[in-house]
Protein backbone atom coordinates (compact mmCIF):
# COMPACT_ATOMS: atom_id res chain seq x y z
CA MET A 1 -10.89 -11.16 0.60
CA ILE A 2 -7.66 -9.66 0.57
CA TYR A 3 -7.26 -5.79 0.14
CA LEU A 4 -3.84 -4.25 -0.87
CA ILE A 5 -4.02 -0.61 -0.62
CA MET A 6 -1.25 1.01 -2.36
CA GLY A 7 0.49 4.34 -2.96
CA VAL A 8 3.33 6.20 -2.65
CA SER A 9 4.48 7.44 1.08
CA GLY A 10 2.08 9.99 2.76
CA SER A 11 -0.96 8.88 0.54
CA GLY A 12 -2.75 7.43 3.49
CA LYS A 13 -2.50 3.66 3.23
CA THR A 14 -1.84 3.21 6.78
CA THR A 15 -4.53 5.25 7.74
CA ILE A 16 -7.16 3.98 5.38
CA GLY A 17 -5.64 0.29 5.74
CA GLU A 18 -6.36 0.44 9.51
CA ARG A 19 -9.71 2.12 9.57
CA LEU A 20 -10.79 -0.21 6.72
CA ALA A 21 -9.65 -3.33 8.93
CA LYS A 22 -11.71 -2.11 11.67
CA ARG A 23 -14.63 -1.80 9.66
CA LEU A 24 -14.04 -5.25 8.31
CA GLY A 25 -13.26 -6.97 11.71
CA CYS A 26 -10.11 -8.20 10.15
CA GLN A 27 -6.41 -7.98 10.46
CA PHE A 28 -4.26 -5.20 8.99
CA SER A 29 -0.72 -5.70 7.77
CA ASP A 30 1.55 -2.90 6.85
CA ALA A 31 4.45 -3.64 4.43
CA ASP A 32 7.04 -1.68 6.59
CA GLN A 33 6.67 -4.83 8.76
CA PHE A 34 8.00 -6.61 6.30
CA HIS A 35 11.15 -4.73 5.63
CA SER A 36 14.64 -6.26 6.45
CA GLU A 37 16.72 -3.91 8.88
CA ALA A 38 19.00 -3.04 5.94
CA ASN A 39 15.94 -1.36 4.01
CA ARG A 40 14.92 0.58 7.04
CA LYS A 41 18.30 1.99 7.41
CA LYS A 42 19.10 2.64 3.80
CA MET A 43 15.29 4.72 3.98
CA ALA A 44 16.32 6.15 6.68
CA GLU A 45 19.59 7.86 5.75
CA GLY A 46 17.71 8.79 2.50
CA THR A 47 18.89 6.01 0.01
CA PRO A 48 16.24 5.08 -2.26
CA LEU A 49 15.63 1.09 -2.41
CA ASN A 50 16.27 -0.89 -5.54
CA ASP A 51 14.73 -3.75 -6.91
CA ASP A 52 17.10 -5.86 -5.45
CA ASP A 53 16.00 -4.70 -2.01
CA ARG A 54 12.56 -4.89 -2.82
CA TRP A 55 11.90 -8.36 -4.25
CA PRO A 56 12.57 -10.42 -0.54
CA TRP A 57 10.38 -7.71 0.97
CA LEU A 58 7.43 -8.29 -1.60
CA ASP A 59 7.87 -12.02 -1.63
CA ALA A 60 7.17 -11.42 2.09
CA ILE A 61 4.36 -9.55 1.93
CA ARG A 62 3.04 -12.16 -0.66
CA ALA A 63 3.72 -15.03 1.40
CA ALA A 64 1.62 -13.50 4.25
CA MET A 65 -1.34 -12.42 1.66
CA GLN A 66 -1.28 -16.31 0.49
CA GLU A 67 -1.35 -17.69 4.14
CA ALA A 68 -4.41 -15.01 5.10
CA HIS A 69 -6.29 -16.60 2.06
CA HIS A 70 -5.50 -20.11 2.62
CA ASN A 71 -6.82 -19.64 6.28
CA ARG A 72 -10.00 -18.13 4.32
CA GLN A 73 -9.23 -14.70 6.22
CA THR A 74 -10.32 -11.13 4.95
CA HIS A 75 -7.22 -9.20 5.43
CA VAL A 76 -6.19 -5.49 4.59
CA PHE A 77 -2.52 -5.01 3.33
CA ALA A 78 -0.95 -1.38 2.93
CA CYS A 79 2.30 -1.57 0.44
CA SER A 80 3.40 0.78 -1.97
CA ALA A 81 3.58 -1.37 -4.85
CA LEU A 82 5.00 1.36 -6.96
CA LYS A 83 5.87 -0.67 -10.41
CA LYS A 84 3.44 -2.83 -12.25
CA GLN A 85 5.40 -5.96 -11.89
CA TYR A 86 5.52 -5.41 -8.11
CA ARG A 87 1.79 -5.36 -8.03
CA GLU A 88 1.70 -8.29 -10.54
CA ARG A 89 4.02 -10.29 -8.45
CA LEU A 90 1.98 -9.36 -5.16
CA GLN A 91 -1.39 -10.76 -6.92
CA THR A 92 0.08 -14.02 -7.87
CA ALA A 93 -0.98 -14.73 -4.08
CA THR A 94 -4.25 -15.25 -4.85
CA GLU A 95 -7.15 -14.36 -7.35
CA GLY A 96 -9.44 -11.48 -6.24
CA ILE A 97 -7.23 -9.23 -4.39
CA VAL A 98 -9.00 -5.89 -4.45
CA LEU A 99 -6.40 -3.27 -5.20
CA VAL A 100 -6.83 0.26 -4.03
CA PHE A 101 -4.60 3.34 -5.46
CA LEU A 102 -4.46 6.16 -3.08
CA ASN A 103 -3.06 8.98 -5.22
CA GLY A 104 -2.95 12.78 -5.09
CA PRO A 105 -1.27 16.03 -5.72
CA ALA A 106 2.87 15.89 -4.73
CA GLU A 107 2.07 18.88 -2.49
CA VAL A 108 -0.38 17.11 -0.61
CA LEU A 109 1.59 14.28 0.02
CA SER A 110 4.57 16.20 0.93
CA GLU A 111 2.90 17.84 3.54
CA ARG A 112 1.53 14.63 4.78
CA ILE A 113 5.26 13.10 5.41
CA LEU A 114 6.40 16.41 6.81
CA ASN A 115 3.76 16.47 9.46
CA ARG A 116 4.12 12.72 10.54
CA ARG A 117 6.16 11.79 13.26
CA GLY A 118 8.41 8.60 14.30
CA HIS A 119 8.37 7.14 10.59
CA PHE A 120 11.92 6.03 9.21
CA PHE A 121 10.99 7.18 6.11
CA ASP A 122 13.09 10.23 4.69
CA PRO A 123 10.70 12.95 3.13
CA ARG A 124 12.97 13.68 0.62
CA LEU A 125 12.57 10.10 -0.93
CA LEU A 126 9.19 11.19 -1.83
CA GLN A 127 10.06 12.41 -5.33
CA SER A 128 12.23 9.40 -6.16
CA GLN A 129 8.74 7.18 -5.22
CA ILE A 130 6.75 9.51 -7.53
CA ASP A 131 9.38 8.93 -10.47
CA THR A 132 9.26 5.19 -9.69
CA LEU A 133 5.34 4.91 -9.76
CA GLU A 134 3.53 3.11 -12.61
CA PRO A 135 0.17 4.18 -11.72
CA PRO A 136 -2.25 1.32 -12.02
CA SER A 137 -5.16 1.52 -14.54
CA GLU A 138 -8.73 1.53 -13.71
CA GLN A 139 -8.99 -2.20 -14.98
CA GLU A 140 -6.50 -2.77 -12.40
CA ALA A 141 -7.18 -0.83 -9.21
CA LEU A 142 -9.78 1.30 -7.60
CA LEU A 143 -8.23 4.70 -8.32
CA ILE A 144 -9.08 7.26 -5.13
CA ASP A 145 -8.01 10.53 -4.63
CA VAL A 146 -6.10 11.17 -1.13
CA ARG A 147 -8.17 14.86 -0.71
CA GLN A 148 -11.28 12.97 0.55
CA SER A 149 -11.89 11.94 3.85
CA PRO A 150 -10.73 8.58 5.35
CA ASP A 151 -14.47 7.63 5.87
CA GLU A 152 -15.48 8.80 2.27
CA ILE A 153 -12.46 6.64 1.06
CA ILE A 154 -13.48 3.73 2.93
CA ASP A 155 -16.96 3.87 1.87
CA VAL A 156 -16.12 3.80 -1.88
CA ILE A 157 -13.83 0.63 -1.30
CA LEU A 158 -16.43 -0.99 0.32
CA GLN A 159 -19.18 0.07 -2.41
CA ALA A 160 -16.75 -1.52 -5.13
CA SER A 161 -15.74 -4.30 -3.72
CA GLU A 162 -19.61 -5.34 -3.12
CA ARG A 163 -19.82 -4.79 -7.05
CA ARG A 164 -17.50 -7.35 -7.59
CA GLN A 165 -18.51 -10.18 -5.41
């Protein structure tokens, strides 16, 4: 099974993705590792990415998802996947991807971003991500409030994915 944890910066994609993968005993891949050096530089300078920057990045993530599926591996991916067309592109990797949308109030997300260290994302870009976000519907994704504890969030994800099988 492939899990895709999505949301804006500060929503906890990496934390939840890593912990979910550990609980499942599988691999975790953060979308940040698929960014080109040019994309990383733009974001570090506070310049939002455009769709031309994102397509090759999304295609690299989709290829990794396809490979994991082909190898029959459970794998957790974390990616902002802000627009519906981005999610649709990623979901062409395979059928049955469990899409999880982590969402919360802007002030909670902003506080989280300001408190993390060693990340290339400029906190000023949060509003551009919120403005770009096309939230998924309940039919498209599992919608989760980030104000729950990581363990509670993972429990919800696992319970929902069990019901899907």
